[in-house]
Amino acid sequence: MIIGYRHTGLVVRDLERSIKFYIRLGFELRRRQFEEGSYIESVTGIDGLSLEWAKLKGADGALIELLQYHSHPDENNIENMPNRLGCSHVSFTVDSIEKTCDLIKEMGGVIINSPVESPDGGVKVVYCHDFDGVMIELVEER
């Protein structure tokens, strides 16, 4: 039985650039580590693997894990392998959707839509990509 939510993992091309991106969005770097050998090969099922990851913590305690696969970068595989870039999307609550959109554009991200208000007026929502194409949903609560 699941007893808690641990983190969201995002595969990135350039760990350093991605760390800077998410820090500017308000996350704090908590830990960074290089891994290779039998443990990580067993976890992922990828032989000869070397990767580096960083865990970042949001203001609300949510964790994201950024992973850069050094030995096996994504080559647009059809099969969903552990080193596949991105996920469906990751969603963040923001204090100002407009300011956050400006910051994302400044750092090389792409805004997909103008802010849209929910039918009940409770939130404004924007979808965007970071520079790796990871889909991000921004939500500003009213």
N, C-alpha and C. Protein backbone atom coordinates (compact mmCIF):
# COMPACT_ATOMS: atom_id res chain seq x y z
N MET A 1 0.84 -1.18 0.00
CA MET A 1 0.00 0.00 0.00
C MET A 1 0.89 1.25 0.00
N ILE A 2 0.54 2.20 -0.82
CA ILE A 2 1.29 3.46 -0.86
C ILE A 2 1.03 4.23 0.43
N ILE A 3 2.11 4.73 1.03
CA ILE A 3 1.97 5.50 2.27
C ILE A 3 2.37 6.96 2.11
N GLY A 4 2.85 7.34 0.93
CA GLY A 4 3.23 8.74 0.72
C GLY A 4 3.77 8.98 -0.68
N TYR A 5 3.83 10.23 -1.05
CA TYR A 5 4.37 10.65 -2.33
C TYR A 5 5.83 11.02 -2.13
N ARG A 6 6.73 10.50 -2.95
CA ARG A 6 8.16 10.70 -2.74
C ARG A 6 8.73 11.84 -3.59
N HIS A 7 8.66 11.73 -4.91
CA HIS A 7 9.16 12.78 -5.80
C HIS A 7 8.69 12.53 -7.22
N THR A 8 8.92 13.52 -8.07
CA THR A 8 8.69 13.39 -9.51
C THR A 8 10.04 13.44 -10.19
N GLY A 9 10.34 12.45 -11.03
CA GLY A 9 11.61 12.40 -11.74
C GLY A 9 11.48 12.94 -13.14
N LEU A 10 12.38 13.85 -13.52
CA LEU A 10 12.40 14.44 -14.85
C LEU A 10 13.76 14.20 -15.48
N VAL A 11 13.78 13.55 -16.64
CA VAL A 11 15.04 13.31 -17.36
C VAL A 11 15.36 14.57 -18.16
N VAL A 12 16.61 15.04 -18.02
CA VAL A 12 17.04 16.28 -18.66
C VAL A 12 18.32 16.05 -19.46
N ARG A 13 18.59 16.93 -20.42
CA ARG A 13 19.81 16.83 -21.23
C ARG A 13 21.02 17.42 -20.51
N ASP A 14 20.81 18.52 -19.78
CA ASP A 14 21.90 19.26 -19.16
C ASP A 14 21.52 19.53 -17.70
N LEU A 15 22.06 18.73 -16.80
CA LEU A 15 21.67 18.82 -15.40
C LEU A 15 21.95 20.20 -14.82
N GLU A 16 23.10 20.75 -15.12
CA GLU A 16 23.47 22.06 -14.58
C GLU A 16 22.46 23.13 -14.99
N ARG A 17 22.12 23.16 -16.27
CA ARG A 17 21.16 24.15 -16.77
C ARG A 17 19.79 23.95 -16.13
N SER A 18 19.37 22.70 -15.99
CA SER A 18 18.06 22.42 -15.40
C SER A 18 18.01 22.77 -13.92
N ILE A 19 19.09 22.52 -13.20
CA ILE A 19 19.14 22.92 -11.78
C ILE A 19 18.94 24.43 -11.67
N LYS A 20 19.65 25.19 -12.48
CA LYS A 20 19.51 26.66 -12.45
C LYS A 20 18.09 27.08 -12.78
N PHE A 21 17.47 26.43 -13.77
CA PHE A 21 16.09 26.73 -14.18
C PHE A 21 15.13 26.57 -13.00
N TYR A 22 15.18 25.42 -12.35
CA TYR A 22 14.23 25.15 -11.27
C TYR A 22 14.54 25.95 -10.00
N ILE A 23 15.80 26.27 -9.76
CA ILE A 23 16.14 27.15 -8.63
C ILE A 23 15.53 28.54 -8.86
N ARG A 24 15.61 29.04 -10.09
CA ARG A 24 15.03 30.36 -10.38
C ARG A 24 13.51 30.35 -10.25
N LEU A 25 12.91 29.17 -10.40
CA LEU A 25 11.46 29.06 -10.21
C LEU A 25 11.07 28.88 -8.74
N GLY A 26 12.07 28.82 -7.84
CA GLY A 26 11.77 28.77 -6.41
C GLY A 26 12.14 27.49 -5.70
N PHE A 27 12.72 26.53 -6.42
CA PHE A 27 13.16 25.29 -5.77
C PHE A 27 14.53 25.49 -5.12
N GLU A 28 14.85 24.62 -4.17
CA GLU A 28 16.13 24.65 -3.47
C GLU A 28 16.84 23.32 -3.70
N LEU A 29 18.11 23.39 -4.10
CA LEU A 29 18.89 22.17 -4.30
C LEU A 29 19.15 21.51 -2.96
N ARG A 30 18.75 20.24 -2.84
CA ARG A 30 18.92 19.51 -1.59
C ARG A 30 20.07 18.51 -1.65
N ARG A 31 20.23 17.86 -2.81
CA ARG A 31 21.26 16.83 -2.92
C ARG A 31 21.55 16.57 -4.39
N ARG A 32 22.80 16.20 -4.66
CA ARG A 32 23.22 15.89 -6.02
C ARG A 32 24.17 14.70 -5.94
N GLN A 33 24.05 13.77 -6.90
CA GLN A 33 24.87 12.56 -6.82
C GLN A 33 25.09 11.96 -8.20
N PHE A 34 26.28 11.38 -8.40
CA PHE A 34 26.62 10.60 -9.59
C PHE A 34 26.46 9.13 -9.24
N GLU A 35 25.88 8.35 -10.15
CA GLU A 35 25.70 6.92 -9.89
C GLU A 35 26.08 6.10 -11.10
N GLU A 36 26.73 4.96 -10.82
CA GLU A 36 26.99 3.93 -11.82
C GLU A 36 27.20 2.63 -11.07
N GLY A 37 27.15 1.52 -11.78
CA GLY A 37 27.39 0.24 -11.15
C GLY A 37 26.14 -0.60 -10.99
N SER A 38 26.29 -1.69 -10.25
CA SER A 38 25.24 -2.72 -10.19
C SER A 38 23.93 -2.23 -9.59
N TYR A 39 23.99 -1.35 -8.59
CA TYR A 39 22.74 -0.89 -7.96
C TYR A 39 21.85 -0.18 -8.98
N ILE A 40 22.37 0.85 -9.62
CA ILE A 40 21.55 1.65 -10.54
C ILE A 40 21.21 0.86 -11.80
N GLU A 41 22.10 -0.05 -12.21
CA GLU A 41 21.79 -0.92 -13.35
C GLU A 41 20.62 -1.84 -13.01
N SER A 42 20.60 -2.36 -11.78
CA SER A 42 19.50 -3.24 -11.35
C SER A 42 18.19 -2.48 -11.24
N VAL A 43 18.23 -1.26 -10.71
CA VAL A 43 17.02 -0.46 -10.55
C VAL A 43 16.39 -0.15 -11.91
N THR A 44 17.21 0.27 -12.88
CA THR A 44 16.69 0.72 -14.17
C THR A 44 16.61 -0.36 -15.24
N GLY A 45 17.39 -1.43 -15.06
CA GLY A 45 17.46 -2.47 -16.09
C GLY A 45 18.32 -2.09 -17.27
N ILE A 46 19.20 -1.08 -17.10
CA ILE A 46 20.07 -0.61 -18.18
C ILE A 46 21.51 -0.96 -17.82
N ASP A 47 22.13 -1.86 -18.60
CA ASP A 47 23.53 -2.26 -18.36
C ASP A 47 24.49 -1.13 -18.72
N GLY A 48 25.57 -1.01 -17.95
CA GLY A 48 26.61 -0.02 -18.24
C GLY A 48 26.17 1.41 -18.01
N LEU A 49 25.19 1.60 -17.16
CA LEU A 49 24.60 2.92 -16.94
C LEU A 49 25.46 3.81 -16.06
N SER A 50 25.55 5.08 -16.45
CA SER A 50 26.07 6.12 -15.56
C SER A 50 25.14 7.32 -15.69
N LEU A 51 24.76 7.86 -14.54
CA LEU A 51 23.87 9.01 -14.54
C LEU A 51 24.20 9.90 -13.36
N GLU A 52 23.67 11.10 -13.42
CA GLU A 52 23.80 12.05 -12.32
C GLU A 52 22.40 12.58 -12.04
N TRP A 53 22.09 12.75 -10.75
CA TRP A 53 20.78 13.28 -10.40
C TRP A 53 20.91 14.38 -9.36
N ALA A 54 19.87 15.19 -9.29
CA ALA A 54 19.78 16.24 -8.27
C ALA A 54 18.35 16.26 -7.76
N LYS A 55 18.21 16.37 -6.45
CA LYS A 55 16.88 16.50 -5.85
C LYS A 55 16.72 17.96 -5.41
N LEU A 56 15.57 18.53 -5.79
CA LEU A 56 15.25 19.90 -5.44
C LEU A 56 13.93 19.93 -4.71
N LYS A 57 13.85 20.81 -3.72
CA LYS A 57 12.66 20.89 -2.86
C LYS A 57 11.93 22.21 -3.11
N GLY A 58 10.61 22.11 -3.29
CA GLY A 58 9.77 23.29 -3.45
C GLY A 58 9.38 23.88 -2.12
N ALA A 59 8.79 25.06 -2.16
CA ALA A 59 8.39 25.76 -0.94
C ALA A 59 7.39 24.95 -0.11
N ASP A 60 6.59 24.12 -0.77
CA ASP A 60 5.59 23.32 -0.06
C ASP A 60 6.12 21.95 0.34
N GLY A 61 7.41 21.69 0.09
CA GLY A 61 8.02 20.42 0.46
C GLY A 61 8.06 19.39 -0.65
N ALA A 62 7.40 19.67 -1.78
CA ALA A 62 7.40 18.73 -2.91
C ALA A 62 8.82 18.60 -3.46
N LEU A 63 9.18 17.38 -3.85
CA LEU A 63 10.51 17.11 -4.40
C LEU A 63 10.44 16.78 -5.88
N ILE A 64 11.39 17.32 -6.64
CA ILE A 64 11.60 16.87 -8.01
C ILE A 64 13.01 16.31 -8.08
N GLU A 65 13.17 15.29 -8.90
CA GLU A 65 14.48 14.68 -9.12
C GLU A 65 14.82 14.87 -10.59
N LEU A 66 15.89 15.60 -10.86
CA LEU A 66 16.37 15.81 -12.22
C LEU A 66 17.43 14.76 -12.50
N LEU A 67 17.32 14.05 -13.62
CA LEU A 67 18.26 12.98 -13.96
C LEU A 67 18.88 13.24 -15.32
N GLN A 68 20.21 13.18 -15.38
CA GLN A 68 20.91 13.25 -16.66
C GLN A 68 21.60 11.91 -16.88
N TYR A 69 21.18 11.20 -17.93
CA TYR A 69 21.77 9.91 -18.28
C TYR A 69 23.00 10.16 -19.15
N HIS A 70 24.19 10.00 -18.58
CA HIS A 70 25.42 10.25 -19.32
C HIS A 70 25.70 9.16 -20.34
N SER A 71 25.51 7.90 -19.96
CA SER A 71 25.89 6.79 -20.83
C SER A 71 24.80 6.40 -21.82
N HIS A 72 23.57 6.72 -21.54
CA HIS A 72 22.44 6.29 -22.37
C HIS A 72 21.46 7.45 -22.56
N PRO A 73 21.83 8.50 -23.29
CA PRO A 73 20.90 9.62 -23.47
C PRO A 73 19.69 9.19 -24.29
N ASP A 74 18.58 9.88 -24.10
CA ASP A 74 17.36 9.59 -24.86
C ASP A 74 17.61 9.81 -26.35
N GLU A 75 17.20 8.87 -27.14
CA GLU A 75 17.30 9.00 -28.59
C GLU A 75 15.92 8.84 -29.21
N ASN A 76 14.92 9.43 -28.53
CA ASN A 76 13.53 9.39 -28.99
C ASN A 76 13.03 7.98 -29.19
N ASN A 77 13.29 7.14 -28.20
CA ASN A 77 12.82 5.76 -28.23
C ASN A 77 11.29 5.73 -28.23
N ILE A 78 10.73 4.78 -28.94
CA ILE A 78 9.28 4.58 -28.92
C ILE A 78 8.88 4.00 -27.57
N GLU A 79 9.64 3.01 -27.11
CA GLU A 79 9.36 2.35 -25.84
C GLU A 79 9.64 3.32 -24.69
N ASN A 80 8.80 3.34 -23.68
CA ASN A 80 8.99 4.23 -22.54
C ASN A 80 10.03 3.64 -21.59
N MET A 81 11.28 4.00 -21.82
CA MET A 81 12.39 3.52 -21.00
C MET A 81 12.61 4.51 -19.85
N PRO A 82 13.33 4.10 -18.80
CA PRO A 82 13.59 5.01 -17.68
C PRO A 82 14.31 6.29 -18.09
N ASN A 83 15.06 6.26 -19.22
CA ASN A 83 15.80 7.45 -19.65
C ASN A 83 15.04 8.28 -20.67
N ARG A 84 13.76 8.03 -20.81
CA ARG A 84 12.93 8.80 -21.75
C ARG A 84 12.73 10.21 -21.21
N LEU A 85 12.92 11.22 -22.04
CA LEU A 85 12.77 12.60 -21.59
C LEU A 85 11.34 12.90 -21.16
N GLY A 86 11.22 13.57 -20.03
CA GLY A 86 9.95 14.11 -19.60
C GLY A 86 8.93 13.13 -19.05
N CYS A 87 7.70 13.59 -18.97
CA CYS A 87 6.56 12.84 -18.49
C CYS A 87 5.33 13.55 -19.04
N SER A 88 4.14 13.11 -18.68
CA SER A 88 2.94 13.79 -19.18
C SER A 88 3.02 15.28 -18.86
N HIS A 89 3.07 15.61 -17.60
CA HIS A 89 3.34 16.99 -17.17
C HIS A 89 3.55 16.99 -15.66
N VAL A 90 4.15 18.05 -15.21
CA VAL A 90 4.30 18.28 -13.78
C VAL A 90 3.61 19.62 -13.52
N SER A 91 2.90 19.72 -12.41
CA SER A 91 2.09 20.90 -12.13
C SER A 91 2.59 21.60 -10.87
N PHE A 92 2.72 22.92 -10.97
CA PHE A 92 3.19 23.73 -9.84
C PHE A 92 2.18 24.83 -9.53
N THR A 93 1.95 25.09 -8.26
CA THR A 93 1.17 26.24 -7.83
C THR A 93 2.11 27.43 -7.77
N VAL A 94 1.70 28.56 -8.35
CA VAL A 94 2.55 29.75 -8.40
C VAL A 94 1.82 30.94 -7.78
N ASP A 95 2.60 31.94 -7.34
CA ASP A 95 1.98 33.13 -6.75
C ASP A 95 1.54 34.12 -7.82
N SER A 96 2.22 34.14 -8.96
CA SER A 96 1.86 35.03 -10.07
C SER A 96 2.12 34.30 -11.38
N ILE A 97 1.06 33.95 -12.08
CA ILE A 97 1.21 33.19 -13.31
C ILE A 97 1.92 34.02 -14.39
N GLU A 98 1.63 35.32 -14.45
CA GLU A 98 2.25 36.18 -15.46
C GLU A 98 3.76 36.30 -15.22
N LYS A 99 4.16 36.57 -13.99
CA LYS A 99 5.59 36.70 -13.68
C LYS A 99 6.33 35.38 -13.90
N THR A 100 5.70 34.28 -13.54
CA THR A 100 6.33 32.97 -13.74
C THR A 100 6.47 32.66 -15.23
N CYS A 101 5.47 33.00 -16.03
CA CYS A 101 5.57 32.81 -17.49
C CYS A 101 6.71 33.64 -18.06
N ASP A 102 6.84 34.88 -17.63
CA ASP A 102 7.93 35.74 -18.10
C ASP A 102 9.28 35.12 -17.76
N LEU A 103 9.42 34.60 -16.56
CA LEU A 103 10.67 33.98 -16.12
C LEU A 103 10.98 32.73 -16.95
N ILE A 104 9.98 31.91 -17.20
CA ILE A 104 10.18 30.70 -18.00
C ILE A 104 10.62 31.07 -19.41
N LYS A 105 9.99 32.07 -20.03
CA LYS A 105 10.40 32.51 -21.37
C LYS A 105 11.83 33.03 -21.36
N GLU A 106 12.17 33.80 -20.33
CA GLU A 106 13.52 34.36 -20.20
C GLU A 106 14.59 33.27 -20.15
N MET A 107 14.24 32.11 -19.57
CA MET A 107 15.20 31.02 -19.42
C MET A 107 15.14 30.00 -20.57
N GLY A 108 14.41 30.32 -21.63
CA GLY A 108 14.39 29.45 -22.80
C GLY A 108 13.20 28.52 -22.90
N GLY A 109 12.25 28.66 -21.99
CA GLY A 109 11.03 27.85 -22.06
C GLY A 109 10.04 28.43 -23.05
N VAL A 110 8.98 27.69 -23.31
CA VAL A 110 7.95 28.09 -24.27
C VAL A 110 6.59 28.05 -23.59
N ILE A 111 5.84 29.15 -23.70
CA ILE A 111 4.49 29.21 -23.16
C ILE A 111 3.53 28.73 -24.24
N ILE A 112 2.66 27.78 -23.91
CA ILE A 112 1.77 27.17 -24.90
C ILE A 112 0.47 27.95 -25.05
N ASN A 113 -0.08 28.43 -23.95
CA ASN A 113 -1.35 29.15 -24.01
C ASN A 113 -1.32 30.36 -23.09
N SER A 114 -2.19 31.32 -23.36
CA SER A 114 -2.37 32.44 -22.44
C SER A 114 -3.07 31.91 -21.19
N PRO A 115 -2.94 32.61 -20.06
CA PRO A 115 -3.62 32.14 -18.85
C PRO A 115 -5.12 31.96 -19.08
N VAL A 116 -5.63 30.82 -18.64
CA VAL A 116 -7.05 30.48 -18.80
C VAL A 116 -7.66 30.34 -17.41
N GLU A 117 -8.79 31.03 -17.19
CA GLU A 117 -9.48 30.92 -15.91
C GLU A 117 -10.40 29.71 -15.92
N SER A 118 -10.39 28.96 -14.83
CA SER A 118 -11.27 27.79 -14.73
C SER A 118 -12.73 28.24 -14.71
N PRO A 119 -13.66 27.37 -15.12
CA PRO A 119 -15.07 27.75 -15.16
C PRO A 119 -15.61 28.26 -13.82
N ASP A 120 -15.09 27.74 -12.71
CA ASP A 120 -15.56 28.19 -11.40
C ASP A 120 -14.82 29.43 -10.90
N GLY A 121 -13.83 29.91 -11.67
CA GLY A 121 -13.08 31.10 -11.28
C GLY A 121 -12.06 30.86 -10.19
N GLY A 122 -11.84 29.61 -9.82
CA GLY A 122 -10.94 29.30 -8.71
C GLY A 122 -9.46 29.37 -9.01
N VAL A 123 -9.10 29.15 -10.29
CA VAL A 123 -7.68 29.15 -10.66
C VAL A 123 -7.48 29.71 -12.06
N LYS A 124 -6.25 30.14 -12.34
CA LYS A 124 -5.79 30.43 -13.70
C LYS A 124 -4.74 29.39 -14.02
N VAL A 125 -4.73 28.92 -15.27
CA VAL A 125 -3.85 27.81 -15.67
C VAL A 125 -3.13 28.14 -16.98
N VAL A 126 -1.86 27.76 -17.03
CA VAL A 126 -1.04 27.87 -18.24
C VAL A 126 -0.26 26.58 -18.41
N TYR A 127 -0.13 26.12 -19.65
CA TYR A 127 0.79 25.03 -19.97
C TYR A 127 2.00 25.62 -20.67
N CYS A 128 3.17 25.07 -20.36
CA CYS A 128 4.41 25.53 -20.97
C CYS A 128 5.39 24.36 -21.03
N HIS A 129 6.51 24.57 -21.71
CA HIS A 129 7.59 23.59 -21.75
C HIS A 129 8.84 24.24 -21.18
N ASP A 130 9.68 23.43 -20.53
CA ASP A 130 11.03 23.92 -20.27
C ASP A 130 11.84 23.69 -21.55
N PHE A 131 13.13 23.98 -21.53
CA PHE A 131 13.96 23.89 -22.74
C PHE A 131 14.22 22.46 -23.18
N ASP A 132 13.90 21.45 -22.34
CA ASP A 132 14.01 20.05 -22.74
C ASP A 132 12.69 19.51 -23.28
N GLY A 133 11.66 20.34 -23.27
CA GLY A 133 10.35 19.89 -23.74
C GLY A 133 9.49 19.29 -22.65
N VAL A 134 9.95 19.34 -21.39
CA VAL A 134 9.14 18.82 -20.28
C VAL A 134 7.91 19.73 -20.13
N MET A 135 6.74 19.12 -20.16
CA MET A 135 5.48 19.86 -20.04
C MET A 135 5.27 20.26 -18.59
N ILE A 136 5.02 21.56 -18.38
CA ILE A 136 4.79 22.11 -17.04
C ILE A 136 3.43 22.80 -17.04
N GLU A 137 2.63 22.51 -16.03
CA GLU A 137 1.37 23.21 -15.82
C GLU A 137 1.58 24.18 -14.66
N LEU A 138 1.25 25.44 -14.88
CA LEU A 138 1.31 26.45 -13.82
C LEU A 138 -0.11 26.78 -13.39
N VAL A 139 -0.34 26.80 -12.09
CA VAL A 139 -1.67 27.07 -11.56
C VAL A 139 -1.57 28.18 -10.52
N GLU A 140 -2.33 29.25 -10.73
CA GLU A 140 -2.43 30.34 -9.75
C GLU A 140 -3.81 30.26 -9.11
N GLU A 141 -3.83 30.04 -7.80
CA GLU A 141 -5.10 29.97 -7.08
C GLU A 141 -5.62 31.36 -6.82
N ARG A 142 -6.94 31.52 -6.88
CA ARG A 142 -7.59 32.82 -6.64
C ARG A 142 -7.90 33.00 -5.18
